[in-house]
Each structure stands twice: as structure tokens, then as C-alpha cells.
Amino acid sequence: MRDRRLGVDDLRMSQRVQPQQTAAFCAQAIASFGISLTAMTLALIYLPASP
């Protein structure tokens, strides 16, 4: 077994990565929610039921 010292790359790999939400992620989440809400509303409107 050889003695290995920590290099710069090893120190970078051991740091924790903080998740970041980008503007594109937020826009996609808002669009997805809006589309699903619209689809659900249309499905409820056209649901075959007698009043």
C-alpha cells in the first residue's frame, strides 16, 4: 500500500454541494403547476354528471 497525500482535487471532491434552484427550474415548476391546474379544471368542467 502506498502513502497518498490529499491533493487539491481530493479536497474539492470532499466539499458538500449546496443545491441551487435556477430561474429556469422555477419557471418550469410554475408552468407545470399551471398546466396541470388547467387540465384538472377542464376535466371537472366536462365531467359527465347530472346536476
C-alpha atoms as a PDB file:
ATOM      1  CA  MET A   1       0.000   0.000   0.000  1.00  0.00           C
ATOM      2  CA  ARG A   2       1.376   3.377  -0.822  1.00  0.00           C
ATOM      3  CA  ASP A   3       1.043   6.546   1.194  1.00  0.00           C
ATOM      4  CA  ARG A   4      -1.190   9.008  -0.598  1.00  0.00           C
ATOM      5  CA  ARG A   5      -1.475  12.657   0.297  1.00  0.00           C
ATOM      6  CA  LEU A   6      -4.582  14.714  -0.327  1.00  0.00           C
ATOM      7  CA  GLY A   7      -4.342  16.887  -3.388  1.00  0.00           C
ATOM      8  CA  VAL A   8      -6.370  19.906  -4.424  1.00  0.00           C
ATOM      9  CA  ASP A   9      -8.814  17.728  -6.406  1.00  0.00           C
ATOM     10  CA  ASP A  10      -9.405  15.477  -3.391  1.00  0.00           C
ATOM     11  CA  LEU A  11     -10.264  18.442  -1.197  1.00  0.00           C
ATOM     12  CA  ARG A  12     -12.724  19.769  -3.774  1.00  0.00           C
ATOM     13  CA  MET A  13     -14.445  16.403  -4.023  1.00  0.00           C
ATOM     14  CA  SER A  14     -14.983  16.222  -0.253  1.00  0.00           C
ATOM     15  CA  GLN A  15     -16.837  19.545  -0.010  1.00  0.00           C
ATOM     16  CA  ARG A  16     -20.621  19.425   0.166  1.00  0.00           C
ATOM     17  CA  VAL A  17     -22.549  20.854  -2.765  1.00  0.00           C
ATOM     18  CA  GLN A  18     -25.344  23.247  -1.917  1.00  0.00           C
ATOM     19  CA  PRO A  19     -28.360  22.703  -4.182  1.00  0.00           C
ATOM     20  CA  GLN A  20     -29.386  25.855  -6.003  1.00  0.00           C
ATOM     21  CA  GLN A  21     -32.653  26.454  -7.782  1.00  0.00           C
ATOM     22  CA  THR A  22     -32.233  28.355 -11.011  1.00  0.00           C
ATOM     23  CA  ALA A  23     -34.740  30.673 -12.644  1.00  0.00           C
ATOM     24  CA  ALA A  24     -35.395  28.027 -15.314  1.00  0.00           C
ATOM     25  CA  PHE A  25     -36.302  25.473 -12.626  1.00  0.00           C
ATOM     26  CA  CYS A  26     -38.752  27.909 -11.002  1.00  0.00           C
ATOM     27  CA  ALA A  27     -40.301  28.776 -14.378  1.00  0.00           C
ATOM     28  CA  GLN A  28     -40.711  25.100 -15.241  1.00  0.00           C
ATOM     29  CA  ALA A  29     -42.320  24.374 -11.866  1.00  0.00           C
ATOM     30  CA  ILE A  30     -44.770  27.271 -12.269  1.00  0.00           C
ATOM     31  CA  ALA A  31     -45.620  26.258 -15.850  1.00  0.00           C
ATOM     32  CA  SER A  32     -46.098  22.625 -14.842  1.00  0.00           C
ATOM     33  CA  PHE A  33     -48.407  23.587 -11.977  1.00  0.00           C
ATOM     34  CA  GLY A  34     -50.403  25.934 -14.222  1.00  0.00           C
ATOM     35  CA  ILE A  35     -50.819  23.334 -16.968  1.00  0.00           C
ATOM     36  CA  SER A  36     -51.912  20.637 -14.520  1.00  0.00           C
ATOM     37  CA  LEU A  37     -54.351  23.003 -12.796  1.00  0.00           C
ATOM     38  CA  THR A  38     -55.845  23.990 -16.170  1.00  0.00           C
ATOM     39  CA  ALA A  39     -56.167  20.341 -17.223  1.00  0.00           C
ATOM     40  CA  MET A  40     -57.873  19.443 -13.947  1.00  0.00           C
ATOM     41  CA  THR A  41     -60.281  22.379 -14.239  1.00  0.00           C
ATOM     42  CA  LEU A  42     -61.217  21.424 -17.804  1.00  0.00           C
ATOM     43  CA  ALA A  43     -61.693  17.796 -16.772  1.00  0.00           C
ATOM     44  CA  LEU A  44     -64.034  18.835 -13.966  1.00  0.00           C
ATOM     45  CA  ILE A  45     -65.995  21.139 -16.281  1.00  0.00           C
ATOM     46  CA  TYR A  46     -66.504  18.418 -18.899  1.00  0.00           C
ATOM     47  CA  LEU A  47     -67.115  15.630 -16.379  1.00  0.00           C
ATOM     48  CA  PRO A  48     -70.325  13.853 -17.399  1.00  0.00           C
ATOM     49  CA  ALA A  49     -72.554  14.318 -14.371  1.00  0.00           C
ATOM     50  CA  SER A  50     -76.112  15.430 -13.901  1.00  0.00           C
ATOM     51  CA  PRO A  51     -76.762  18.438 -11.657  1.00  0.00           C
END
